[in-house]
Amino acid sequence: MSRPVSLMSFFIGVLLLVVPVTAHVPVLSGDHNTLATATPIKDPAVSYAIYGTLHEAGEADYYTVTLRKGDPLYFMVSTPEQGSYAPWLIVAGPPALSPQGTVPEGVEVPEGDTAVVVAGVRPLNAEYEPFSPMAIYPIAQYEGTAPADGEYVIAVYTPDVVGPYILASGKLEAFTATEWIMIPVTMIGVRLWQEQSLWLIFGPYFAILIAGIVLILRWPGHQKLNIAAWSGFFAGLLYLGSGTATLLQTGIALQVATAGPAVLITLIIAAIQIGAGTAAVSISLRSTVPTSTRFRIEMVVIGIVGLVAWAGLIVGPLLAFIAALIPAKKG
């Protein structure tokens, strides 16, 4: 196995140790601004980052979670929005829950429940979130334990200014295989939720693809490449696009948030994406006909690296696996 692939395997090990400590499972939330349409939180222990938007003053989004007595009760509301936007957090549950504050008029609480109301307070500075990456302002937080078995209602409410919010729940950093692999697709939705343009989201991919195609067509040896090599080559370009996009989003976030140790996590992810892309391009350009066993093994490894490091928008890893499996033919 080549040295670049071995080096990437090392960084993947580092990534798998670091990211689960800091990452939330991203969830895009729909419209649920009545108690009857509340969105259930699947697992109260798992750390989710639920992305929602409040569109009108006095509006609230509702969530429900079923807990047993003694279960952790943790929720935090944050926002990437600058300005004065400061959504509130309201947690309602069985009468054993000690009440705090006054429930705003118009916010629904189940009959007989008591509620904890945490008014939103904006901090002076944004924090850097390395998983997205994104600059966010923590606004309101509640932490305790469930005083009784039952269903708890969580509401995110704004008294005046409207905008996007993130509801974090739970503290157990755990992903299913599907959730992990689908993160690149989910993050496209998150960027749209941030109201970023399609050009900003996909621009790095188009730029790398165009530059790569122009350069390869000027290379005299491109006519000798077989279909497997072309597949691996385009996988590499998509990986490089992901690395470039990650660095671009990091730069955007650091215009607002202060750089700190958390930035290293993002840089590790970007380094793996760019390193895997560079390796895929290099390996593809030196491939021979018939396709060697070494080439196939390297492409399988690169495909796995892409899925683990969220490189290539899932299409890149698929192309790497195709490169490893298709019969050798001249392109």
C-alpha atoms as a PDB file:
ATOM      1  CA  MET A   1       0.000   0.000   0.000  1.00  0.00           C
ATOM      2  CA  SER A   2       1.287   3.461  -0.889  1.00  0.00           C
ATOM      3  CA  ARG A   3       2.668   5.850   1.693  1.00  0.00           C
ATOM      4  CA  PRO A   4      -0.084   8.517   1.152  1.00  0.00           C
ATOM      5  CA  VAL A   5      -2.797   5.925   1.826  1.00  0.00           C
ATOM      6  CA  SER A   6      -1.016   4.704   4.970  1.00  0.00           C
ATOM      7  CA  LEU A   7      -0.702   8.304   6.190  1.00  0.00           C
ATOM      8  CA  MET A   8      -4.407   8.895   5.563  1.00  0.00           C
ATOM      9  CA  SER A   9      -5.242   5.759   7.543  1.00  0.00           C
ATOM     10  CA  PHE A  10      -3.359   7.238  10.505  1.00  0.00           C
ATOM     11  CA  PHE A  11      -5.261  10.526  10.289  1.00  0.00           C
ATOM     12  CA  ILE A  12      -8.551   8.627   9.973  1.00  0.00           C
ATOM     13  CA  GLY A  13      -7.738   6.970  13.300  1.00  0.00           C
ATOM     14  CA  VAL A  14      -7.177  10.401  14.832  1.00  0.00           C
ATOM     15  CA  LEU A  15     -10.424  11.661  13.311  1.00  0.00           C
ATOM     16  CA  LEU A  16     -12.441   8.763  14.725  1.00  0.00           C
ATOM     17  CA  LEU A  17     -11.036   9.501  18.181  1.00  0.00           C
ATOM     18  CA  VAL A  18     -11.631  13.266  18.059  1.00  0.00           C
ATOM     19  CA  VAL A  19     -14.858  13.861  16.133  1.00  0.00           C
ATOM     20  CA  PRO A  20     -17.216  11.674  18.214  1.00  0.00           C
ATOM     21  CA  VAL A  21     -16.231  13.726  21.266  1.00  0.00           C
ATOM     22  CA  THR A  22     -17.384  16.980  19.707  1.00  0.00           C
ATOM     23  CA  ALA A  23     -19.929  16.165  17.004  1.00  0.00           C
ATOM     24  CA  HIS A  24     -23.731  16.215  17.100  1.00  0.00           C
ATOM     25  CA  VAL A  25     -25.960  14.171  14.821  1.00  0.00           C
ATOM     26  CA  PRO A  26     -27.365  16.841  12.439  1.00  0.00           C
ATOM     27  CA  VAL A  27     -31.147  16.880  11.933  1.00  0.00           C
ATOM     28  CA  LEU A  28     -33.080  19.230   9.654  1.00  0.00           C
ATOM     29  CA  SER A  29     -36.407  20.088  11.219  1.00  0.00           C
ATOM     30  CA  GLY A  30     -39.665  20.888   9.399  1.00  0.00           C
ATOM     31  CA  ASP A  31     -42.659  22.985  10.441  1.00  0.00           C
ATOM     32  CA  HIS A  32     -43.962  22.037  13.876  1.00  0.00           C
ATOM     33  CA  ASN A  33     -45.230  25.237  15.470  1.00  0.00           C
ATOM     34  CA  THR A  34     -48.109  23.654  17.365  1.00  0.00           C
ATOM     35  CA  LEU A  35     -48.095  21.139  20.188  1.00  0.00           C
ATOM     36  CA  ALA A  36     -50.109  18.749  18.033  1.00  0.00           C
ATOM     37  CA  THR A  37     -47.376  18.723  15.374  1.00  0.00           C
ATOM     38  CA  ALA A  38     -44.430  18.505  17.796  1.00  0.00           C
ATOM     39  CA  THR A  39     -41.386  16.636  16.502  1.00  0.00           C
ATOM     40  CA  PRO A  40     -40.348  13.663  18.670  1.00  0.00           C
ATOM     41  CA  ILE A  41     -36.679  13.353  19.627  1.00  0.00           C
ATOM     42  CA  LYS A  42     -35.763   9.720  18.976  1.00  0.00           C
ATOM     43  CA  ASP A  43     -33.195   9.119  21.682  1.00  0.00           C
ATOM     44  CA  PRO A  44     -32.983  11.513  24.642  1.00  0.00           C
ATOM     45  CA  ALA A  45     -29.404  10.462  25.413  1.00  0.00           C
ATOM     46  CA  VAL A  46     -27.949  11.003  21.925  1.00  0.00           C
ATOM     47  CA  SER A  47     -26.515  14.410  21.072  1.00  0.00           C
ATOM     48  CA  TYR A  48     -28.555  15.842  18.214  1.00  0.00           C
ATOM     49  CA  ALA A  49     -28.180  19.231  16.544  1.00  0.00           C
ATOM     50  CA  ILE A  50     -31.658  20.099  15.282  1.00  0.00           C
ATOM     51  CA  TYR A  51     -31.768  22.972  12.771  1.00  0.00           C
ATOM     52  CA  GLY A  52     -34.965  25.029  12.710  1.00  0.00           C
ATOM     53  CA  THR A  53     -36.255  28.519  11.937  1.00  0.00           C
ATOM     54  CA  LEU A  54     -38.764  30.792  13.645  1.00  0.00           C
ATOM     55  CA  HIS A  55     -40.575  32.928  11.070  1.00  0.00           C
ATOM     56  CA  GLU A  56     -42.880  35.148  13.151  1.00  0.00           C
ATOM     57  CA  ALA A  57     -42.714  37.057  16.433  1.00  0.00           C
ATOM     58  CA  GLY A  58     -44.393  35.054  19.186  1.00  0.00           C
ATOM     59  CA  GLU A  59     -43.888  31.771  17.316  1.00  0.00           C
ATOM     60  CA  ALA A  60     -42.610  28.570  18.944  1.00  0.00           C
ATOM     61  CA  ASP A  61     -41.378  25.246  17.573  1.00  0.00           C
ATOM     62  CA  TYR A  62     -42.240  22.170  19.660  1.00  0.00           C
ATOM     63  CA  TYR A  63     -40.411  18.923  20.359  1.00  0.00           C
ATOM     64  CA  THR A  64     -41.266  15.981  22.615  1.00  0.00           C
ATOM     65  CA  VAL A  65     -39.096  13.432  24.366  1.00  0.00           C
ATOM     66  CA  THR A  66     -40.034  10.483  26.585  1.00  0.00           C
ATOM     67  CA  LEU A  67     -37.904  10.125  29.712  1.00  0.00           C
ATOM     68  CA  ARG A  68     -37.656   7.929  32.768  1.00  0.00           C
ATOM     69  CA  LYS A  69     -37.032   9.309  36.222  1.00  0.00           C
ATOM     70  CA  GLY A  70     -33.344  10.149  36.632  1.00  0.00           C
ATOM     71  CA  ASP A  71     -32.607  10.404  32.906  1.00  0.00           C
ATOM     72  CA  PRO A  72     -30.402  13.369  31.912  1.00  0.00           C
ATOM     73  CA  LEU A  73     -32.377  16.406  30.804  1.00  0.00           C
ATOM     74  CA  TYR A  74     -30.152  18.620  28.638  1.00  0.00           C
ATOM     75  CA  PHE A  75     -31.081  21.166  25.965  1.00  0.00           C
ATOM     76  CA  MET A  76     -29.332  24.191  24.528  1.00  0.00           C
ATOM     77  CA  VAL A  77     -30.479  26.752  21.954  1.00  0.00           C
ATOM     78  CA  SER A  78     -27.947  28.585  19.800  1.00  0.00           C
ATOM     79  CA  THR A  79     -27.998  30.525  16.543  1.00  0.00           C
ATOM     80  CA  PRO A  80     -25.571  31.558  13.789  1.00  0.00           C
ATOM     81  CA  GLU A  81     -27.567  34.768  13.345  1.00  0.00           C
ATOM     82  CA  GLN A  82     -25.848  38.035  14.205  1.00  0.00           C
ATOM     83  CA  GLY A  83     -27.759  40.952  15.702  1.00  0.00           C
ATOM     84  CA  SER A  84     -30.243  40.880  18.565  1.00  0.00           C
ATOM     85  CA  TYR A  85     -32.002  37.562  17.857  1.00  0.00           C
ATOM     86  CA  ALA A  86     -32.217  35.573  21.124  1.00  0.00           C
ATOM     87  CA  PRO A  87     -34.738  32.688  21.132  1.00  0.00           C
ATOM     88  CA  TRP A  88     -36.011  31.320  24.450  1.00  0.00           C
ATOM     89  CA  LEU A  89     -35.964  27.727  25.691  1.00  0.00           C
ATOM     90  CA  ILE A  90     -38.994  26.258  27.471  1.00  0.00           C
ATOM     91  CA  VAL A  91     -39.022  22.767  29.004  1.00  0.00           C
ATOM     92  CA  ALA A  92     -42.364  21.417  30.260  1.00  0.00           C
ATOM     93  CA  GLY A  93     -43.013  18.128  31.986  1.00  0.00           C
ATOM     94  CA  PRO A  94     -44.794  16.298  34.824  1.00  0.00           C
ATOM     95  CA  PRO A  95     -45.732  18.324  37.968  1.00  0.00           C
ATOM     96  CA  ALA A  96     -42.584  17.024  39.698  1.00  0.00           C
ATOM     97  CA  LEU A  97     -40.557  19.354  37.449  1.00  0.00           C
ATOM     98  CA  SER A  98     -39.739  22.466  39.463  1.00  0.00           C
ATOM     99  CA  PRO A  99     -41.263  25.475  37.672  1.00  0.00           C
ATOM    100  CA  GLN A 100     -39.161  28.470  36.729  1.00  0.00           C
ATOM    101  CA  GLY A 101     -40.232  31.719  35.075  1.00  0.00           C
ATOM    102  CA  THR A 102     -43.495  32.522  33.335  1.00  0.00           C
ATOM    103  CA  VAL A 103     -44.625  30.756  30.172  1.00  0.00           C
ATOM    104  CA  PRO A 104     -45.123  33.393  27.431  1.00  0.00           C
ATOM    105  CA  GLU A 105     -48.628  33.948  26.176  1.00  0.00           C
ATOM    106  CA  GLY A 106     -49.337  31.800  23.150  1.00  0.00           C
ATOM    107  CA  VAL A 107     -46.860  29.037  24.054  1.00  0.00           C
ATOM    108  CA  GLU A 108     -48.669  25.703  24.498  1.00  0.00           C
ATOM    109  CA  VAL A 109     -47.982  23.577  27.565  1.00  0.00           C
ATOM    110  CA  PRO A 110     -49.828  20.284  28.200  1.00  0.00           C
ATOM    111  CA  GLU A 111     -52.526  20.564  30.843  1.00  0.00           C
ATOM    112  CA  GLY A 112     -51.191  19.744  34.297  1.00  0.00           C
ATOM    113  CA  ASP A 113     -47.519  20.151  33.317  1.00  0.00           C
ATOM    114  CA  THR A 114     -45.115  22.605  34.899  1.00  0.00           C
ATOM    115  CA  ALA A 115     -42.518  24.475  32.896  1.00  0.00           C
ATOM    116  CA  VAL A 116     -39.004  25.869  33.084  1.00  0.00           C
ATOM    117  CA  VAL A 117     -38.585  29.065  31.073  1.00  0.00           C
ATOM    118  CA  VAL A 118     -35.064  30.158  30.115  1.00  0.00           C
ATOM    119  CA  ALA A 119     -35.030  33.568  28.438  1.00  0.00           C
ATOM    120  CA  GLY A 120     -32.483  33.946  25.655  1.00  0.00           C
ATOM    121  CA  VAL A 121     -29.369  35.987  26.399  1.00  0.00           C
ATOM    122  CA  ARG A 122     -26.841  36.704  23.671  1.00  0.00           C
ATOM    123  CA  PRO A 123     -23.137  36.372  24.487  1.00  0.00           C
ATOM    124  CA  LEU A 124     -20.709  39.006  23.283  1.00  0.00           C
ATOM    125  CA  ASN A 125     -18.743  36.627  21.079  1.00  0.00           C
ATOM    126  CA  ALA A 126     -19.567  33.694  18.821  1.00  0.00           C
ATOM    127  CA  GLU A 127     -18.098  30.237  19.370  1.00  0.00           C
ATOM    128  CA  TYR A 128     -16.488  28.172  16.620  1.00  0.00           C
ATOM    129  CA  GLU A 129     -18.277  24.893  15.901  1.00  0.00           C
ATOM    130  CA  PRO A 130     -15.758  22.568  14.188  1.00  0.00           C
ATOM    131  CA  PHE A 131     -18.150  19.892  13.038  1.00  0.00           C
ATOM    132  CA  SER A 132     -20.157  22.110  10.646  1.00  0.00           C
ATOM    133  CA  PRO A 133     -17.928  24.338  10.584  1.00  0.00           C
ATOM    134  CA  MET A 134     -19.922  27.384  11.732  1.00  0.00           C
ATOM    135  CA  ALA A 135     -19.871  30.385  14.063  1.00  0.00           C
ATOM    136  CA  ILE A 136     -22.679  30.108  16.627  1.00  0.00           C
ATOM    137  CA  TYR A 137     -23.974  32.079  19.600  1.00  0.00           C
ATOM    138  CA  PRO A 138     -25.111  29.958  22.591  1.00  0.00           C
ATOM    139  CA  ILE A 139     -28.343  31.631  23.755  1.00  0.00           C
ATOM    140  CA  ALA A 140     -30.222  29.522  26.324  1.00  0.00           C
ATOM    141  CA  GLN A 141     -29.480  26.268  28.170  1.00  0.00           C
ATOM    142  CA  TYR A 142     -31.179  23.955  30.648  1.00  0.00           C
ATOM    143  CA  GLU A 143     -29.560  20.964  32.340  1.00  0.00           C
ATOM    144  CA  GLY A 144     -30.909  18.682  35.036  1.00  0.00           C
ATOM    145  CA  THR A 145     -32.452  15.239  35.525  1.00  0.00           C
ATOM    146  CA  ALA A 146     -35.987  14.079  34.817  1.00  0.00           C
ATOM    147  CA  PRO A 147     -37.899  14.156  38.124  1.00  0.00           C
ATOM    148  CA  ALA A 148     -40.491  11.620  36.950  1.00  0.00           C
ATOM    149  CA  ASP A 149     -41.362   9.257  34.104  1.00  0.00           C
ATOM    150  CA  GLY A 150     -43.316  10.850  31.296  1.00  0.00           C
ATOM    151  CA  GLU A 151     -43.323  12.892  28.127  1.00  0.00           C
ATOM    152  CA  TYR A 152     -41.521  16.223  28.200  1.00  0.00           C
ATOM    153  CA  VAL A 153     -42.188  19.101  25.814  1.00  0.00           C
ATOM    154  CA  ILE A 154     -39.403  21.393  24.592  1.00  0.00           C
ATOM    155  CA  ALA A 155     -40.314  24.672  22.922  1.00  0.00           C
ATOM    156  CA  VAL A 156     -38.030  27.149  21.165  1.00  0.00           C
ATOM    157  CA  TYR A 157     -39.746  30.541  21.222  1.00  0.00           C
ATOM    158  CA  THR A 158     -39.029  34.065  20.036  1.00  0.00           C
ATOM    159  CA  PRO A 159     -40.808  37.083  21.531  1.00  0.00           C
ATOM    160  CA  ASP A 160     -39.834  39.440  18.717  1.00  0.00           C
ATOM    161  CA  VAL A 161     -36.879  39.013  16.332  1.00  0.00           C
ATOM    162  CA  VAL A 162     -37.015  35.947  14.062  1.00  0.00           C
ATOM    163  CA  GLY A 163     -34.328  33.729  12.562  1.00  0.00           C
ATOM    164  CA  PRO A 164     -32.647  30.328  12.504  1.00  0.00           C
ATOM    165  CA  TYR A 165     -31.793  28.335  15.617  1.00  0.00           C
ATOM    166  CA  ILE A 166     -30.053  25.120  16.607  1.00  0.00           C
ATOM    167  CA  LEU A 167     -31.527  22.958  19.371  1.00  0.00           C
ATOM    168  CA  ALA A 168     -28.895  20.667  20.893  1.00  0.00           C
ATOM    169  CA  SER A 169     -30.162  17.731  22.923  1.00  0.00           C
ATOM    170  CA  GLY A 170     -28.432  14.980  24.872  1.00  0.00           C
ATOM    171  CA  LYS A 171     -24.736  14.470  25.451  1.00  0.00           C
ATOM    172  CA  LEU A 172     -24.006  10.988  24.083  1.00  0.00           C
ATOM    173  CA  GLU A 173     -21.973  11.408  20.884  1.00  0.00           C
ATOM    174  CA  ALA A 174     -23.172   8.414  18.874  1.00  0.00           C
ATOM    175  CA  PHE A 175     -23.908   7.916  15.161  1.00  0.00           C
ATOM    176  CA  THR A 176     -25.487   5.106  13.187  1.00  0.00           C
ATOM    177  CA  ALA A 177     -23.573   4.117  10.050  1.00  0.00           C
ATOM    178  CA  THR A 178     -26.269   5.712   7.887  1.00  0.00           C
ATOM    179  CA  GLU A 179     -26.225   8.974   9.849  1.00  0.00           C
ATOM    180  CA  TRP A 180     -22.439   9.195   9.520  1.00  0.00           C
ATOM    181  CA  ILE A 181     -22.338   8.444   5.788  1.00  0.00           C
ATOM    182  CA  MET A 182     -25.223  10.824   4.994  1.00  0.00           C
ATOM    183  CA  ILE A 183     -23.636  13.807   6.781  1.00  0.00           C
ATOM    184  CA  PRO A 184     -22.345  15.437   3.535  1.00  0.00           C
ATOM    185  CA  VAL A 185     -25.884  15.436   2.104  1.00  0.00           C
ATOM    186  CA  THR A 186     -27.396  16.667   5.373  1.00  0.00           C
ATOM    187  CA  MET A 187     -24.857  19.484   5.530  1.00  0.00           C
ATOM    188  CA  ILE A 188     -25.988  20.750   2.111  1.00  0.00           C
ATOM    189  CA  GLY A 189     -29.390  21.212   3.717  1.00  0.00           C
ATOM    190  CA  VAL A 190     -27.757  22.980   6.658  1.00  0.00           C
ATOM    191  CA  ARG A 191     -25.989  25.415   4.318  1.00  0.00           C
ATOM    192  CA  LEU A 192     -29.291  26.151   2.611  1.00  0.00           C
ATOM    193  CA  TRP A 193     -30.810  26.635   6.085  1.00  0.00           C
ATOM    194  CA  GLN A 194     -28.066  29.232   6.616  1.00  0.00           C
ATOM    195  CA  GLU A 195     -29.317  30.872   3.412  1.00  0.00           C
ATOM    196  CA  GLN A 196     -26.038  30.314   1.604  1.00  0.00           C
ATOM    197  CA  SER A 197     -26.236  30.394  -2.186  1.00  0.00           C
ATOM    198  CA  LEU A 198     -25.798  27.276  -4.313  1.00  0.00           C
ATOM    199  CA  TRP A 199     -22.729  28.919  -5.862  1.00  0.00           C
ATOM    200  CA  LEU A 200     -21.121  29.238  -2.438  1.00  0.00           C
ATOM    201  CA  ILE A 201     -22.002  25.653  -1.493  1.00  0.00           C
ATOM    202  CA  PHE A 202     -20.991  23.955  -4.747  1.00  0.00           C
ATOM    203  CA  GLY A 203     -18.552  26.532  -6.143  1.00  0.00           C
ATOM    204  CA  PRO A 204     -15.422  24.768  -4.779  1.00  0.00           C
ATOM    205  CA  TYR A 205     -16.484  21.502  -6.435  1.00  0.00           C
ATOM    206  CA  PHE A 206     -17.116  23.133  -9.819  1.00  0.00           C
ATOM    207  CA  ALA A 207     -13.826  25.048  -9.646  1.00  0.00           C
ATOM    208  CA  ILE A 208     -11.796  21.910  -8.859  1.00  0.00           C
ATOM    209  CA  LEU A 209     -13.609  19.811 -11.476  1.00  0.00           C
ATOM    210  CA  ILE A 210     -13.083  22.392 -14.221  1.00  0.00           C
ATOM    211  CA  ALA A 211      -9.429  22.929 -13.307  1.00  0.00           C
ATOM    212  CA  GLY A 212      -8.836  19.180 -13.116  1.00  0.00           C
ATOM    213  CA  ILE A 213     -10.441  18.496 -16.491  1.00  0.00           C
ATOM    214  CA  VAL A 214      -8.470  21.286 -18.185  1.00  0.00           C
ATOM    215  CA  LEU A 215      -5.184  20.046 -16.722  1.00  0.00           C
ATOM    216  CA  ILE A 216      -5.776  16.365 -17.507  1.00  0.00           C
ATOM    217  CA  LEU A 217      -6.743  17.071 -21.117  1.00  0.00           C
ATOM    218  CA  ARG A 218      -3.469  18.972 -21.555  1.00  0.00           C
ATOM    219  CA  TRP A 219      -1.505  16.011 -20.181  1.00  0.00           C
ATOM    220  CA  PRO A 220      -0.279  13.857 -23.098  1.00  0.00           C
ATOM    221  CA  GLY A 221      -0.743  10.633 -21.149  1.00  0.00           C
ATOM    222  CA  HIS A 222      -4.494  11.020 -20.646  1.00  0.00           C
ATOM    223  CA  GLN A 223      -5.260   8.966 -23.755  1.00  0.00           C
ATOM    224  CA  LYS A 224      -3.657   5.923 -22.128  1.00  0.00           C
ATOM    225  CA  LEU A 225      -5.939   6.009 -19.073  1.00  0.00           C
ATOM    226  CA  ASN A 226      -8.496   3.228 -18.752  1.00  0.00           C
ATOM    227  CA  ILE A 227     -12.058   3.588 -17.430  1.00  0.00           C
ATOM    228  CA  ALA A 228     -11.015   2.569 -13.900  1.00  0.00           C
ATOM    229  CA  ALA A 229      -8.362   5.296 -13.861  1.00  0.00           C
ATOM    230  CA  TRP A 230     -10.839   7.932 -15.055  1.00  0.00           C
ATOM    231  CA  SER A 231     -13.267   6.894 -12.323  1.00  0.00           C
ATOM    232  CA  GLY A 232     -10.552   7.174  -9.666  1.00  0.00           C
ATOM    233  CA  PHE A 233      -9.425  10.503 -11.101  1.00  0.00           C
ATOM    234  CA  PHE A 234     -12.877  12.078 -10.806  1.00  0.00           C
ATOM    235  CA  ALA A 235     -13.256  10.619  -7.319  1.00  0.00           C
ATOM    236  CA  GLY A 236     -10.067  12.465  -6.400  1.00  0.00           C
ATOM    237  CA  LEU A 237     -11.368  15.739  -7.830  1.00  0.00           C
ATOM    238  CA  LEU A 238     -14.566  15.464  -5.771  1.00  0.00           C
ATOM    239  CA  TYR A 239     -12.503  14.777  -2.642  1.00  0.00           C
ATOM    240  CA  LEU A 240     -10.398  17.866  -3.370  1.00  0.00           C
ATOM    241  CA  GLY A 241     -13.636  19.825  -3.787  1.00  0.00           C
ATOM    242  CA  SER A 242     -14.763  18.719  -0.338  1.00  0.00           C
ATOM    243  CA  GLY A 243     -11.480  19.758   1.238  1.00  0.00           C
ATOM    244  CA  THR A 244     -11.646  23.153  -0.465  1.00  0.00           C
ATOM    245  CA  ALA A 245     -15.281  23.618   0.617  1.00  0.00           C
ATOM    246  CA  THR A 246     -14.397  22.724   4.212  1.00  0.00           C
ATOM    247  CA  LEU A 247     -11.623  25.320   4.275  1.00  0.00           C
ATOM    248  CA  LEU A 248     -13.933  27.905   2.686  1.00  0.00           C
ATOM    249  CA  GLN A 249     -16.622  27.344   5.339  1.00  0.00           C
ATOM    250  CA  THR A 250     -13.944  27.529   8.043  1.00  0.00           C
ATOM    251  CA  GLY A 251     -12.818  30.890   6.716  1.00  0.00           C
ATOM    252  CA  ILE A 252     -16.407  32.165   6.695  1.00  0.00           C
ATOM    253  CA  ALA A 253     -16.940  31.036  10.297  1.00  0.00           C
ATOM    254  CA  LEU A 254     -13.682  32.557  11.523  1.00  0.00           C
ATOM    255  CA  GLN A 255     -14.750  35.964  10.249  1.00  0.00           C
ATOM    256  CA  VAL A 256     -17.170  35.951  13.196  1.00  0.00           C
ATOM    257  CA  ALA A 257     -15.866  33.429  15.737  1.00  0.00           C
ATOM    258  CA  THR A 258     -12.460  33.441  17.433  1.00  0.00           C
ATOM    259  CA  ALA A 259     -10.035  30.760  16.316  1.00  0.00           C
ATOM    260  CA  GLY A 260      -9.191  28.224  19.005  1.00  0.00           C
ATOM    261  CA  PRO A 261      -8.115  24.593  19.436  1.00  0.00           C
ATOM    262  CA  ALA A 262     -11.405  23.410  17.914  1.00  0.00           C
ATOM    263  CA  VAL A 263     -10.220  24.659  14.517  1.00  0.00           C
ATOM    264  CA  LEU A 264      -7.670  21.805  14.522  1.00  0.00           C
ATOM    265  CA  ILE A 265     -10.516  19.288  14.234  1.00  0.00           C
ATOM    266  CA  THR A 266     -11.764  20.972  11.065  1.00  0.00           C
ATOM    267  CA  LEU A 267      -8.237  21.201   9.668  1.00  0.00           C
ATOM    268  CA  ILE A 268      -7.715  17.468  10.259  1.00  0.00           C
ATOM    269  CA  ILE A 269     -10.922  16.726   8.344  1.00  0.00           C
ATOM    270  CA  ALA A 270      -9.883  19.039   5.487  1.00  0.00           C
ATOM    271  CA  ALA A 271      -6.372  17.544   5.416  1.00  0.00           C
ATOM    272  CA  ILE A 272      -7.786  14.020   5.094  1.00  0.00           C
ATOM    273  CA  GLN A 273     -10.167  15.090   2.318  1.00  0.00           C
ATOM    274  CA  ILE A 274      -7.406  16.867   0.378  1.00  0.00           C
ATOM    275  CA  GLY A 275      -4.871  14.115   1.068  1.00  0.00           C
ATOM    276  CA  ALA A 276      -7.265  11.396  -0.109  1.00  0.00           C
ATOM    277  CA  GLY A 277      -8.117  13.429  -3.200  1.00  0.00           C
ATOM    278  CA  THR A 278      -4.464  13.990  -4.056  1.00  0.00           C
ATOM    279  CA  ALA A 279      -3.734  10.286  -3.565  1.00  0.00           C
ATOM    280  CA  ALA A 280      -6.678   9.246  -5.768  1.00  0.00           C
ATOM    281  CA  VAL A 281      -5.550  11.555  -8.595  1.00  0.00           C
ATOM    282  CA  SER A 282      -1.909  10.473  -8.306  1.00  0.00           C
ATOM    283  CA  ILE A 283      -2.725   6.763  -8.180  1.00  0.00           C
ATOM    284  CA  SER A 284      -5.113   7.060 -11.139  1.00  0.00           C
ATOM    285  CA  LEU A 285      -2.600   8.879 -13.332  1.00  0.00           C
ATOM    286  CA  ARG A 286       0.036   6.198 -12.811  1.00  0.00           C
ATOM    287  CA  SER A 287      -2.370   3.276 -13.339  1.00  0.00           C
ATOM    288  CA  THR A 288      -1.592   0.737 -16.045  1.00  0.00           C
ATOM    289  CA  VAL A 289      -3.539  -1.592 -18.311  1.00  0.00           C
ATOM    290  CA  PRO A 290      -4.541  -4.112 -17.132  1.00  0.00           C
ATOM    291  CA  THR A 291      -5.561  -2.582 -13.815  1.00  0.00           C
ATOM    292  CA  SER A 292      -3.253  -3.819 -11.066  1.00  0.00           C
ATOM    293  CA  THR A 293      -4.338  -5.461  -7.819  1.00  0.00           C
ATOM    294  CA  ARG A 294      -2.521  -2.714  -5.928  1.00  0.00           C
ATOM    295  CA  PHE A 295      -4.578  -0.044  -7.702  1.00  0.00           C
ATOM    296  CA  ARG A 296      -7.803  -1.816  -6.765  1.00  0.00           C
ATOM    297  CA  ILE A 297      -6.815  -2.151  -3.108  1.00  0.00           C
ATOM    298  CA  GLU A 298      -5.784   1.511  -2.941  1.00  0.00           C
ATOM    299  CA  MET A 299      -9.088   2.623  -4.460  1.00  0.00           C
ATOM    300  CA  VAL A 300     -11.075   0.571  -1.933  1.00  0.00           C
ATOM    301  CA  VAL A 301      -9.101   2.206   0.874  1.00  0.00           C
ATOM    302  CA  ILE A 302      -9.668   5.666  -0.623  1.00  0.00           C
ATOM    303  CA  GLY A 303     -13.384   4.929  -0.924  1.00  0.00           C
ATOM    304  CA  ILE A 304     -13.566   3.967   2.757  1.00  0.00           C
ATOM    305  CA  VAL A 305     -11.559   7.046   3.734  1.00  0.00           C
ATOM    306  CA  GLY A 306     -14.028   9.221   1.810  1.00  0.00           C
ATOM    307  CA  LEU A 307     -17.026   7.767   3.624  1.00  0.00           C
ATOM    308  CA  VAL A 308     -15.373   8.179   7.020  1.00  0.00           C
ATOM    309  CA  ALA A 309     -14.129  11.735   6.346  1.00  0.00           C
ATOM    310  CA  TRP A 310     -17.264  12.909   4.462  1.00  0.00           C
ATOM    311  CA  ALA A 311     -15.309  13.566   1.270  1.00  0.00           C
ATOM    312  CA  GLY A 312     -16.714  13.687  -2.253  1.00  0.00           C
ATOM    313  CA  LEU A 313     -20.418  14.113  -1.426  1.00  0.00           C
ATOM    314  CA  ILE A 314     -20.814  10.287  -1.354  1.00  0.00           C
ATOM    315  CA  VAL A 315     -20.403  10.269  -5.168  1.00  0.00           C
ATOM    316  CA  GLY A 316     -16.600  10.414  -4.785  1.00  0.00           C
ATOM    317  CA  PRO A 317     -16.355   7.267  -2.642  1.00  0.00           C
ATOM    318  CA  LEU A 318     -18.739   5.468  -5.012  1.00  0.00           C
ATOM    319  CA  LEU A 319     -16.475   6.347  -7.955  1.00  0.00           C
ATOM    320  CA  ALA A 320     -13.470   5.056  -6.008  1.00  0.00           C
ATOM    321  CA  PHE A 321     -15.242   1.742  -5.366  1.00  0.00           C
ATOM    322  CA  ILE A 322     -16.266   1.567  -9.044  1.00  0.00           C
ATOM    323  CA  ALA A 323     -12.656   2.159 -10.036  1.00  0.00           C
ATOM    324  CA  ALA A 324     -11.660  -0.808  -7.897  1.00  0.00           C
ATOM    325  CA  LEU A 325     -14.303  -3.150  -9.306  1.00  0.00           C
ATOM    326  CA  ILE A 326     -14.822  -2.473 -13.028  1.00  0.00           C
ATOM    327  CA  PRO A 327     -12.943  -4.516 -15.615  1.00  0.00           C
ATOM    328  CA  ALA A 328      -9.885  -2.861 -17.145  1.00  0.00           C
ATOM    329  CA  LYS A 329     -10.651  -1.273 -20.511  1.00  0.00           C
ATOM    330  CA  LYS A 330      -9.084   1.591 -22.406  1.00  0.00           C
ATOM    331  CA  GLY A 331     -10.988   4.871 -21.931  1.00  0.00           C
END
